[in-house]
Amino acid sequence: MRGDDLPVEVDRSVELFLTAVDELAPGLVTGFYLVGSVALGDFRPPVGRGRLSVSSDIDFVTVTDRRVERASPEMAALAEAHSRTVARFPRPHFDGAVFTWADLAAGPHECPDIPCAQESRFTPAGRSGVNPVTFCELAWHGIAVRGPQPADVEVWADRRVLRAYTGDNLRTYWRPWLEQKRQPRPLSLAIGLTEWFPVWAVLGVSRLHHVLAIGTMTSKSGAGHYARKVFGPPWERIIAESLWLRTRGAQGRSSYRNPFARRRDTLAFLDTAIDSALALPAEGAP
């Protein structure tokens, strides 16, 4: 996908943001890239409302030539441009971070707190998006809307660090998340019965397994097809269901009439997939 061949929902938000920031602070934004589901070819337009949605977000990397100071007119311009964008187009979420070119070359561990947005909420100084995943997605899959192609820019990308980050994410986020969602509490049960639950859990952890096993990144849908091959028939039903929910019937197959059974199988798959991923060799594929 090229920067001039984007889904309409992505194109309109990006165009509004760049138009607004250019009006408010001409010359400030010298690079703008799309990462996440758009860059990986798996963007799913929004359907309905609510936080627990199987739809995609618009994930971006904005680049400036110099550091944007917290109480500066340039920071106000970024905040206002983002505010205009999400006010006009509240869905999909418009999420990303504002780096300098020097930040991209140095990598996430050398990057200070920067302007960023998560779930369409903008903050002048934060860490959302400042991680190996964003940097590697940009380097390997990023779509240039403004600025040179990622391959022509010095962008930090280290597979070894990405793998270490992925393993840590499984241990510190996903394993506690699984234990929490196993609890028969009203909120955990309610979340576990949603369509979002298997999409987030089954396909999300399968993506991380793919990183650790193969050393490359894939989309949620790509992770579903990968999981079918790796985990085989015992888990075919819940993986196919997750793909079907993610793609709204374009891929996979739905066979669950009972959401409690779907929740049970999601939790069981998550337990198996996390253990399998953490048991993979530390270095994985080259």
C-alpha atoms as a PDB file:
ATOM      1  CA  MET A   1       0.000   0.000   0.000  1.00  0.00           C
ATOM      2  CA  ARG A   2       1.254   3.475  -0.889  1.00  0.00           C
ATOM      3  CA  GLY A   3       0.632   6.709   0.956  1.00  0.00           C
ATOM      4  CA  ASP A   4      -1.691   7.820  -1.858  1.00  0.00           C
ATOM      5  CA  ASP A   5      -3.759   4.602  -1.730  1.00  0.00           C
ATOM      6  CA  LEU A   6      -5.209   4.563   1.766  1.00  0.00           C
ATOM      7  CA  PRO A   7      -8.575   3.463   3.176  1.00  0.00           C
ATOM      8  CA  VAL A   8     -10.961   6.406   3.121  1.00  0.00           C
ATOM      9  CA  GLU A   9     -11.235   6.493   6.919  1.00  0.00           C
ATOM     10  CA  VAL A  10      -7.458   6.769   7.193  1.00  0.00           C
ATOM     11  CA  ASP A  11      -7.018   9.264   4.367  1.00  0.00           C
ATOM     12  CA  ARG A  12      -9.558  11.762   5.720  1.00  0.00           C
ATOM     13  CA  SER A  13      -8.105  11.810   9.251  1.00  0.00           C
ATOM     14  CA  VAL A  14      -4.532  12.104   8.019  1.00  0.00           C
ATOM     15  CA  GLU A  15      -5.403  14.864   5.564  1.00  0.00           C
ATOM     16  CA  LEU A  16      -7.267  16.867   8.209  1.00  0.00           C
ATOM     17  CA  PHE A  17      -4.445  16.534  10.734  1.00  0.00           C
ATOM     18  CA  LEU A  18      -1.698  17.553   8.311  1.00  0.00           C
ATOM     19  CA  THR A  19      -3.753  20.413   6.893  1.00  0.00           C
ATOM     20  CA  ALA A  20      -4.446  21.722  10.391  1.00  0.00           C
ATOM     21  CA  VAL A  21      -0.885  21.431  11.677  1.00  0.00           C
ATOM     22  CA  ASP A  22       0.503  23.071   8.519  1.00  0.00           C
ATOM     23  CA  GLU A  23      -1.907  25.956   8.998  1.00  0.00           C
ATOM     24  CA  LEU A  24      -1.071  26.377  12.685  1.00  0.00           C
ATOM     25  CA  ALA A  25       2.688  25.704  12.541  1.00  0.00           C
ATOM     26  CA  PRO A  26       3.967  25.827   8.936  1.00  0.00           C
ATOM     27  CA  GLY A  27       7.010  23.657   8.357  1.00  0.00           C
ATOM     28  CA  LEU A  28       6.855  21.909  11.733  1.00  0.00           C
ATOM     29  CA  VAL A  29       5.929  18.412  10.534  1.00  0.00           C
ATOM     30  CA  THR A  30       8.527  17.183   8.050  1.00  0.00           C
ATOM     31  CA  GLY A  31       7.645  13.491   8.190  1.00  0.00           C
ATOM     32  CA  PHE A  32       4.436  11.533   8.668  1.00  0.00           C
ATOM     33  CA  TYR A  33       4.176   7.743   8.537  1.00  0.00           C
ATOM     34  CA  LEU A  34       1.514   5.127   9.115  1.00  0.00           C
ATOM     35  CA  VAL A  35       2.253   1.981  11.110  1.00  0.00           C
ATOM     36  CA  GLY A  36       0.037  -0.620  12.786  1.00  0.00           C
ATOM     37  CA  SER A  37      -2.793  -2.358  10.949  1.00  0.00           C
ATOM     38  CA  VAL A  38      -2.747   0.101   8.046  1.00  0.00           C
ATOM     39  CA  ALA A  39       0.920  -0.557   7.301  1.00  0.00           C
ATOM     40  CA  LEU A  40       0.471  -4.316   7.755  1.00  0.00           C
ATOM     41  CA  GLY A  41      -2.428  -4.433   5.293  1.00  0.00           C
ATOM     42  CA  ASP A  42      -5.063  -5.413   7.843  1.00  0.00           C
ATOM     43  CA  PHE A  43      -7.035  -2.224   8.472  1.00  0.00           C
ATOM     44  CA  ARG A  44     -10.644  -2.887   9.519  1.00  0.00           C
ATOM     45  CA  PRO A  45     -13.009   0.125   9.358  1.00  0.00           C
ATOM     46  CA  PRO A  46     -14.999   1.003  12.466  1.00  0.00           C
ATOM     47  CA  VAL A  47     -18.367  -0.583  13.094  1.00  0.00           C
ATOM     48  CA  GLY A  48     -20.390   0.611  16.059  1.00  0.00           C
ATOM     49  CA  ARG A  49     -19.002   2.357  19.113  1.00  0.00           C
ATOM     50  CA  GLY A  50     -17.400   1.495  22.403  1.00  0.00           C
ATOM     51  CA  ARG A  51     -13.909   0.724  23.633  1.00  0.00           C
ATOM     52  CA  LEU A  52     -14.200  -3.037  23.103  1.00  0.00           C
ATOM     53  CA  SER A  53     -14.227  -2.884  19.322  1.00  0.00           C
ATOM     54  CA  VAL A  54     -12.674  -5.318  16.841  1.00  0.00           C
ATOM     55  CA  SER A  55     -12.070  -2.398  14.464  1.00  0.00           C
ATOM     56  CA  SER A  56      -8.633  -0.944  13.714  1.00  0.00           C
ATOM     57  CA  ASP A  57      -7.034   2.249  14.952  1.00  0.00           C
ATOM     58  CA  ILE A  58      -5.039   4.682  12.838  1.00  0.00           C
ATOM     59  CA  ASP A  59      -1.484   4.437  14.179  1.00  0.00           C
ATOM     60  CA  PHE A  60       0.959   7.127  13.075  1.00  0.00           C
ATOM     61  CA  VAL A  61       4.475   8.446  13.527  1.00  0.00           C
ATOM     62  CA  THR A  62       4.890  12.199  13.150  1.00  0.00           C
ATOM     63  CA  VAL A  63       8.412  13.588  12.722  1.00  0.00           C
ATOM     64  CA  THR A  64       9.819  17.067  13.343  1.00  0.00           C
ATOM     65  CA  ASP A  65      13.287  18.462  12.751  1.00  0.00           C
ATOM     66  CA  ARG A  66      13.638  19.679  16.345  1.00  0.00           C
ATOM     67  CA  ARG A  67      12.278  18.853  19.775  1.00  0.00           C
ATOM     68  CA  VAL A  68       8.854  20.385  20.436  1.00  0.00           C
ATOM     69  CA  GLU A  69       8.923  22.100  23.821  1.00  0.00           C
ATOM     70  CA  ARG A  70       6.040  21.478  26.178  1.00  0.00           C
ATOM     71  CA  ALA A  71       4.780  25.055  26.570  1.00  0.00           C
ATOM     72  CA  SER A  72       5.520  26.209  23.021  1.00  0.00           C
ATOM     73  CA  PRO A  73       3.258  27.426  20.200  1.00  0.00           C
ATOM     74  CA  GLU A  74       4.324  24.327  18.241  1.00  0.00           C
ATOM     75  CA  MET A  75       3.015  22.043  21.000  1.00  0.00           C
ATOM     76  CA  ALA A  76      -0.251  23.965  21.025  1.00  0.00           C
ATOM     77  CA  ALA A  77      -0.455  23.531  17.248  1.00  0.00           C
ATOM     78  CA  LEU A  78       0.020  19.759  17.494  1.00  0.00           C
ATOM     79  CA  ALA A  79      -2.602  19.485  20.226  1.00  0.00           C
ATOM     80  CA  GLU A  80      -5.079  21.626  18.303  1.00  0.00           C
ATOM     81  CA  ALA A  81      -4.551  19.744  15.034  1.00  0.00           C
ATOM     82  CA  HIS A  82      -5.108  16.451  16.823  1.00  0.00           C
ATOM     83  CA  SER A  83      -8.176  17.822  18.595  1.00  0.00           C
ATOM     84  CA  ARG A  84      -9.722  18.983  15.319  1.00  0.00           C
ATOM     85  CA  THR A  85      -9.083  15.592  13.772  1.00  0.00           C
ATOM     86  CA  VAL A  86     -10.686  13.474  16.488  1.00  0.00           C
ATOM     87  CA  ALA A  87     -13.581  15.922  16.885  1.00  0.00           C
ATOM     88  CA  ARG A  88     -14.429  15.576  13.192  1.00  0.00           C
ATOM     89  CA  PHE A  89     -13.637  11.857  12.947  1.00  0.00           C
ATOM     90  CA  PRO A  90     -13.886  10.258  16.414  1.00  0.00           C
ATOM     91  CA  ARG A  91     -13.522   6.756  14.939  1.00  0.00           C
ATOM     92  CA  PRO A  92     -11.132   5.152  14.258  1.00  0.00           C
ATOM     93  CA  HIS A  93      -8.883   6.261  17.102  1.00  0.00           C
ATOM     94  CA  PHE A  94      -6.094   8.518  15.845  1.00  0.00           C
ATOM     95  CA  ASP A  95      -3.078   7.373  17.849  1.00  0.00           C
ATOM     96  CA  GLY A  96       0.641   8.008  17.533  1.00  0.00           C
ATOM     97  CA  ALA A  97       3.683   9.921  18.668  1.00  0.00           C
ATOM     98  CA  VAL A  98       5.798  12.902  17.613  1.00  0.00           C
ATOM     99  CA  PHE A  99       9.485  12.034  17.224  1.00  0.00           C
ATOM    100  CA  THR A 100      12.478  13.903  15.885  1.00  0.00           C
ATOM    101  CA  TRP A 101      14.597  12.384  13.127  1.00  0.00           C
ATOM    102  CA  ALA A 102      17.327  11.970  15.743  1.00  0.00           C
ATOM    103  CA  ASP A 103      14.903   9.994  17.951  1.00  0.00           C
ATOM    104  CA  LEU A 104      14.200   7.557  15.122  1.00  0.00           C
ATOM    105  CA  ALA A 105      17.900   6.892  14.637  1.00  0.00           C
ATOM    106  CA  ALA A 106      18.664   6.535  18.356  1.00  0.00           C
ATOM    107  CA  GLY A 107      15.865   4.108  19.228  1.00  0.00           C
ATOM    108  CA  PRO A 108      13.174   3.866  21.893  1.00  0.00           C
ATOM    109  CA  HIS A 109      15.470   3.525  24.904  1.00  0.00           C
ATOM    110  CA  GLU A 110      17.196   6.830  24.111  1.00  0.00           C
ATOM    111  CA  CYS A 111      13.969   8.699  23.439  1.00  0.00           C
ATOM    112  CA  PRO A 112      12.588  11.049  26.125  1.00  0.00           C
ATOM    113  CA  ASP A 113       8.902  11.522  26.858  1.00  0.00           C
ATOM    114  CA  ILE A 114       7.315  13.023  23.749  1.00  0.00           C
ATOM    115  CA  PRO A 115       3.939  14.291  22.521  1.00  0.00           C
ATOM    116  CA  CYS A 116       1.687  11.310  21.865  1.00  0.00           C
ATOM    117  CA  ALA A 117      -1.913  10.158  21.684  1.00  0.00           C
ATOM    118  CA  GLN A 118      -3.542   6.940  22.861  1.00  0.00           C
ATOM    119  CA  GLU A 119      -7.221   6.163  22.299  1.00  0.00           C
ATOM    120  CA  SER A 120      -7.366   9.617  20.682  1.00  0.00           C
ATOM    121  CA  ARG A 121      -6.260  11.369  23.893  1.00  0.00           C
ATOM    122  CA  PHE A 122      -3.320  13.701  23.303  1.00  0.00           C
ATOM    123  CA  THR A 123      -0.645  14.410  25.919  1.00  0.00           C
ATOM    124  CA  PRO A 124       2.370  16.733  25.571  1.00  0.00           C
ATOM    125  CA  ALA A 125       4.732  14.237  27.211  1.00  0.00           C
ATOM    126  CA  GLY A 126       4.249  10.491  27.342  1.00  0.00           C
ATOM    127  CA  ARG A 127       5.568   7.074  26.328  1.00  0.00           C
ATOM    128  CA  SER A 128       2.754   5.701  24.178  1.00  0.00           C
ATOM    129  CA  GLY A 129       4.369   4.375  21.008  1.00  0.00           C
ATOM    130  CA  VAL A 130       7.908   4.753  22.338  1.00  0.00           C
ATOM    131  CA  ASN A 131       8.794   1.074  22.120  1.00  0.00           C
ATOM    132  CA  PRO A 132      10.578  -1.422  19.845  1.00  0.00           C
ATOM    133  CA  VAL A 133       7.324  -2.407  18.125  1.00  0.00           C
ATOM    134  CA  THR A 134       6.677   1.082  16.750  1.00  0.00           C
ATOM    135  CA  PHE A 135      10.261   1.519  15.594  1.00  0.00           C
ATOM    136  CA  CYS A 136      10.448  -1.884  13.890  1.00  0.00           C
ATOM    137  CA  GLU A 137       7.056  -1.457  12.246  1.00  0.00           C
ATOM    138  CA  LEU A 138       8.185   1.898  10.897  1.00  0.00           C
ATOM    139  CA  ALA A 139      11.508   0.561   9.641  1.00  0.00           C
ATOM    140  CA  TRP A 140      10.104  -2.606   8.035  1.00  0.00           C
ATOM    141  CA  HIS A 141       6.533  -1.716   7.068  1.00  0.00           C
ATOM    142  CA  GLY A 142       5.934   2.024   7.499  1.00  0.00           C
ATOM    143  CA  ILE A 143       3.911   3.915   4.871  1.00  0.00           C
ATOM    144  CA  ALA A 144       5.289   7.349   4.024  1.00  0.00           C
ATOM    145  CA  VAL A 145       2.623  10.033   3.690  1.00  0.00           C
ATOM    146  CA  ARG A 146       5.145  12.840   4.047  1.00  0.00           C
ATOM    147  CA  GLY A 147       8.930  12.600   3.996  1.00  0.00           C
ATOM    148  CA  PRO A 148      11.374  10.034   2.615  1.00  0.00           C
ATOM    149  CA  GLN A 149      10.620   6.333   2.517  1.00  0.00           C
ATOM    150  CA  PRO A 150      11.530   4.517   5.766  1.00  0.00           C
ATOM    151  CA  ALA A 151      14.226   2.566   3.914  1.00  0.00           C
ATOM    152  CA  ASP A 152      15.918   5.869   3.057  1.00  0.00           C
ATOM    153  CA  VAL A 153      15.945   7.102   6.667  1.00  0.00           C
ATOM    154  CA  GLU A 154      18.033   5.964   9.608  1.00  0.00           C
ATOM    155  CA  VAL A 155      15.473   4.189  11.769  1.00  0.00           C
ATOM    156  CA  TRP A 156      16.507   2.034  14.714  1.00  0.00           C
ATOM    157  CA  ALA A 157      15.383  -1.587  14.317  1.00  0.00           C
ATOM    158  CA  ASP A 158      16.868  -4.424  16.374  1.00  0.00           C
ATOM    159  CA  ARG A 159      15.306  -7.891  16.174  1.00  0.00           C
ATOM    160  CA  ARG A 160      17.074  -9.057  19.323  1.00  0.00           C
ATOM    161  CA  VAL A 161      15.644  -6.187  21.355  1.00  0.00           C
ATOM    162  CA  LEU A 162      12.228  -6.662  19.751  1.00  0.00           C
ATOM    163  CA  ARG A 163      12.230 -10.305  20.829  1.00  0.00           C
ATOM    164  CA  ALA A 164      13.264  -9.417  24.373  1.00  0.00           C
ATOM    165  CA  TYR A 165      10.531  -6.778  24.546  1.00  0.00           C
ATOM    166  CA  THR A 166       7.991  -9.289  23.226  1.00  0.00           C
ATOM    167  CA  GLY A 167       8.927 -11.914  25.804  1.00  0.00           C
ATOM    168  CA  ASP A 168       8.717  -9.343  28.575  1.00  0.00           C
ATOM    169  CA  ASN A 169       5.290  -8.271  27.312  1.00  0.00           C
ATOM    170  CA  LEU A 170       4.064 -11.849  27.539  1.00  0.00           C
ATOM    171  CA  ARG A 171       5.355 -12.214  31.092  1.00  0.00           C
ATOM    172  CA  THR A 172       4.391  -8.824  32.520  1.00  0.00           C
ATOM    173  CA  TYR A 173       1.201  -7.987  30.614  1.00  0.00           C
ATOM    174  CA  TRP A 174      -0.377 -11.058  29.064  1.00  0.00           C
ATOM    175  CA  ARG A 175       0.160 -13.599  31.848  1.00  0.00           C
ATOM    176  CA  PRO A 176      -1.313 -11.306  34.569  1.00  0.00           C
ATOM    177  CA  TRP A 177      -4.072 -10.275  32.134  1.00  0.00           C
ATOM    178  CA  LEU A 178      -4.984 -13.934  31.625  1.00  0.00           C
ATOM    179  CA  GLU A 179      -5.064 -14.619  35.345  1.00  0.00           C
ATOM    180  CA  GLN A 180      -7.287 -11.582  35.890  1.00  0.00           C
ATOM    181  CA  LYS A 181      -9.723 -12.581  33.126  1.00  0.00           C
ATOM    182  CA  ARG A 182      -9.985 -16.096  34.538  1.00  0.00           C
ATOM    183  CA  GLN A 183     -11.579 -14.746  37.696  1.00  0.00           C
ATOM    184  CA  PRO A 184     -15.369 -15.255  37.833  1.00  0.00           C
ATOM    185  CA  ARG A 185     -15.981 -11.611  38.619  1.00  0.00           C
ATOM    186  CA  PRO A 186     -18.785  -9.695  36.899  1.00  0.00           C
ATOM    187  CA  LEU A 187     -16.519  -7.381  34.872  1.00  0.00           C
ATOM    188  CA  SER A 188     -14.146 -10.152  33.788  1.00  0.00           C
ATOM    189  CA  LEU A 189     -17.072 -12.330  32.781  1.00  0.00           C
ATOM    190  CA  ALA A 190     -18.726  -9.512  30.864  1.00  0.00           C
ATOM    191  CA  ILE A 191     -15.525  -8.738  28.933  1.00  0.00           C
ATOM    192  CA  GLY A 192     -14.938 -12.424  28.257  1.00  0.00           C
ATOM    193  CA  LEU A 193     -18.311 -12.758  26.548  1.00  0.00           C
ATOM    194  CA  THR A 194     -17.680  -9.964  24.026  1.00  0.00           C
ATOM    195  CA  GLU A 195     -16.533 -10.455  20.427  1.00  0.00           C
ATOM    196  CA  TRP A 196     -13.519  -8.281  21.238  1.00  0.00           C
ATOM    197  CA  PHE A 197     -12.172 -10.800  23.755  1.00  0.00           C
ATOM    198  CA  PRO A 198     -11.041 -13.616  21.405  1.00  0.00           C
ATOM    199  CA  VAL A 199      -9.850 -11.166  18.758  1.00  0.00           C
ATOM    200  CA  TRP A 200      -7.649  -9.301  21.233  1.00  0.00           C
ATOM    201  CA  ALA A 201      -6.421 -12.395  23.071  1.00  0.00           C
ATOM    202  CA  VAL A 202      -6.114 -15.176  20.484  1.00  0.00           C
ATOM    203  CA  LEU A 203      -4.819 -13.049  17.630  1.00  0.00           C
ATOM    204  CA  GLY A 204      -2.838 -10.703  19.874  1.00  0.00           C
ATOM    205  CA  VAL A 205      -0.790 -13.432  21.531  1.00  0.00           C
ATOM    206  CA  SER A 206      -0.413 -15.259  18.215  1.00  0.00           C
ATOM    207  CA  ARG A 207       1.260 -12.129  16.818  1.00  0.00           C
ATOM    208  CA  LEU A 208       3.776 -12.203  19.649  1.00  0.00           C
ATOM    209  CA  HIS A 209       4.406 -15.918  19.127  1.00  0.00           C
ATOM    210  CA  HIS A 210       5.130 -15.126  15.459  1.00  0.00           C
ATOM    211  CA  VAL A 211       7.696 -12.471  16.444  1.00  0.00           C
ATOM    212  CA  LEU A 212       9.507 -14.852  18.765  1.00  0.00           C
ATOM    213  CA  ALA A 213       9.405 -17.822  16.392  1.00  0.00           C
ATOM    214  CA  ILE A 214       9.981 -16.146  13.023  1.00  0.00           C
ATOM    215  CA  GLY A 215      11.609 -12.842  13.920  1.00  0.00           C
ATOM    216  CA  THR A 216       9.215 -10.794  11.775  1.00  0.00           C
ATOM    217  CA  MET A 217       5.960  -8.930  12.345  1.00  0.00           C
ATOM    218  CA  THR A 218       2.499  -9.824  11.123  1.00  0.00           C
ATOM    219  CA  SER A 219      -1.025  -8.450  11.378  1.00  0.00           C
ATOM    220  CA  LYS A 220      -3.799  -9.831  13.556  1.00  0.00           C
ATOM    221  CA  SER A 221      -5.311 -11.664  10.598  1.00  0.00           C
ATOM    222  CA  GLY A 222      -1.885 -12.901   9.538  1.00  0.00           C
ATOM    223  CA  ALA A 223      -1.344 -14.132  13.080  1.00  0.00           C
ATOM    224  CA  GLY A 224      -4.563 -16.119  12.896  1.00  0.00           C
ATOM    225  CA  HIS A 225      -3.410 -17.985   9.791  1.00  0.00           C
ATOM    226  CA  TYR A 226      -0.019 -18.518  11.402  1.00  0.00           C
ATOM    227  CA  ALA A 227      -1.628 -19.909  14.567  1.00  0.00           C
ATOM    228  CA  ARG A 228      -3.697 -22.383  12.556  1.00  0.00           C
ATOM    229  CA  LYS A 229      -0.500 -23.890  11.151  1.00  0.00           C
ATOM    230  CA  VAL A 230       1.459 -23.842  14.419  1.00  0.00           C
ATOM    231  CA  PHE A 231      -1.167 -24.967  16.943  1.00  0.00           C
ATOM    232  CA  GLY A 232      -3.151 -27.260  14.655  1.00  0.00           C
ATOM    233  CA  PRO A 233      -6.552 -28.984  14.926  1.00  0.00           C
ATOM    234  CA  PRO A 234      -7.022 -28.827  18.724  1.00  0.00           C
ATOM    235  CA  TRP A 235      -7.257 -25.055  18.491  1.00  0.00           C
ATOM    236  CA  GLU A 236      -8.757 -24.661  15.012  1.00  0.00           C
ATOM    237  CA  ARG A 237     -12.230 -23.767  16.285  1.00  0.00           C
ATOM    238  CA  ILE A 238     -11.280 -20.774  18.455  1.00  0.00           C
ATOM    239  CA  ILE A 239      -8.690 -19.502  15.972  1.00  0.00           C
ATOM    240  CA  ALA A 240     -11.197 -19.685  13.104  1.00  0.00           C
ATOM    241  CA  GLU A 241     -13.767 -17.890  15.268  1.00  0.00           C
ATOM    242  CA  SER A 242     -11.294 -15.129  16.092  1.00  0.00           C
ATOM    243  CA  LEU A 243     -10.445 -14.646  12.410  1.00  0.00           C
ATOM    244  CA  TRP A 244     -14.122 -14.572  11.514  1.00  0.00           C
ATOM    245  CA  LEU A 245     -14.803 -11.901  14.133  1.00  0.00           C
ATOM    246  CA  ARG A 246     -11.744  -9.847  13.152  1.00  0.00           C
ATOM    247  CA  THR A 247     -12.612  -9.833   9.436  1.00  0.00           C
ATOM    248  CA  ARG A 248     -16.402  -9.735   9.889  1.00  0.00           C
ATOM    249  CA  GLY A 249     -16.844 -13.015   8.113  1.00  0.00           C
ATOM    250  CA  ALA A 250     -14.330 -12.551   5.295  1.00  0.00           C
ATOM    251  CA  GLN A 251     -11.941 -15.120   6.797  1.00  0.00           C
ATOM    252  CA  GLY A 252     -12.254 -17.954   9.278  1.00  0.00           C
ATOM    253  CA  ARG A 253     -15.475 -19.565  10.403  1.00  0.00           C
ATOM    254  CA  SER A 254     -17.961 -19.030  13.229  1.00  0.00           C
ATOM    255  CA  SER A 255     -19.156 -22.090  15.112  1.00  0.00           C
ATOM    256  CA  TYR A 256     -19.841 -20.882  18.654  1.00  0.00           C
ATOM    257  CA  ARG A 257     -23.433 -20.465  19.755  1.00  0.00           C
ATOM    258  CA  ASN A 258     -22.497 -20.211  23.410  1.00  0.00           C
ATOM    259  CA  PRO A 259     -20.281 -17.220  24.343  1.00  0.00           C
ATOM    260  CA  PHE A 260     -19.303 -18.968  27.580  1.00  0.00           C
ATOM    261  CA  ALA A 261     -17.769 -21.799  25.555  1.00  0.00           C
ATOM    262  CA  ARG A 262     -15.948 -19.241  23.421  1.00  0.00           C
ATOM    263  CA  ARG A 263     -14.584 -17.554  26.538  1.00  0.00           C
ATOM    264  CA  ARG A 264     -13.449 -20.912  27.939  1.00  0.00           C
ATOM    265  CA  ASP A 265     -11.588 -21.823  24.758  1.00  0.00           C
ATOM    266  CA  THR A 266     -10.055 -18.346  24.472  1.00  0.00           C
ATOM    267  CA  LEU A 267      -8.610 -18.610  27.971  1.00  0.00           C
ATOM    268  CA  ALA A 268      -7.311 -22.134  27.342  1.00  0.00           C
ATOM    269  CA  PHE A 269      -5.669 -21.127  24.063  1.00  0.00           C
ATOM    270  CA  LEU A 270      -4.082 -18.103  25.699  1.00  0.00           C
ATOM    271  CA  ASP A 271      -2.557 -20.283  28.413  1.00  0.00           C
ATOM    272  CA  THR A 272      -1.121 -22.692  25.837  1.00  0.00           C
ATOM    273  CA  ALA A 273       0.133 -19.999  23.445  1.00  0.00           C
ATOM    274  CA  ILE A 274       1.892 -17.952  26.141  1.00  0.00           C
ATOM    275  CA  ASP A 275       3.690 -21.047  27.471  1.00  0.00           C
ATOM    276  CA  SER A 276       4.647 -22.063  23.935  1.00  0.00           C
ATOM    277  CA  ALA A 277       5.974 -18.611  23.062  1.00  0.00           C
ATOM    278  CA  LEU A 278       8.068 -18.310  26.219  1.00  0.00           C
ATOM    279  CA  ALA A 279       9.525 -21.780  25.636  1.00  0.00           C
ATOM    280  CA  LEU A 280      10.903 -20.800  22.215  1.00  0.00           C
ATOM    281  CA  PRO A 281      14.697 -20.438  21.864  1.00  0.00           C
ATOM    282  CA  ALA A 282      15.888 -17.011  22.945  1.00  0.00           C
ATOM    283  CA  GLU A 283      17.336 -16.095  19.574  1.00  0.00           C
ATOM    284  CA  GLY A 284      14.628 -17.595  17.361  1.00  0.00           C
ATOM    285  CA  ALA A 285      14.921 -17.273  13.581  1.00  0.00           C
ATOM    286  CA  PRO A 286      17.570 -14.968  12.093  1.00  0.00           C
END
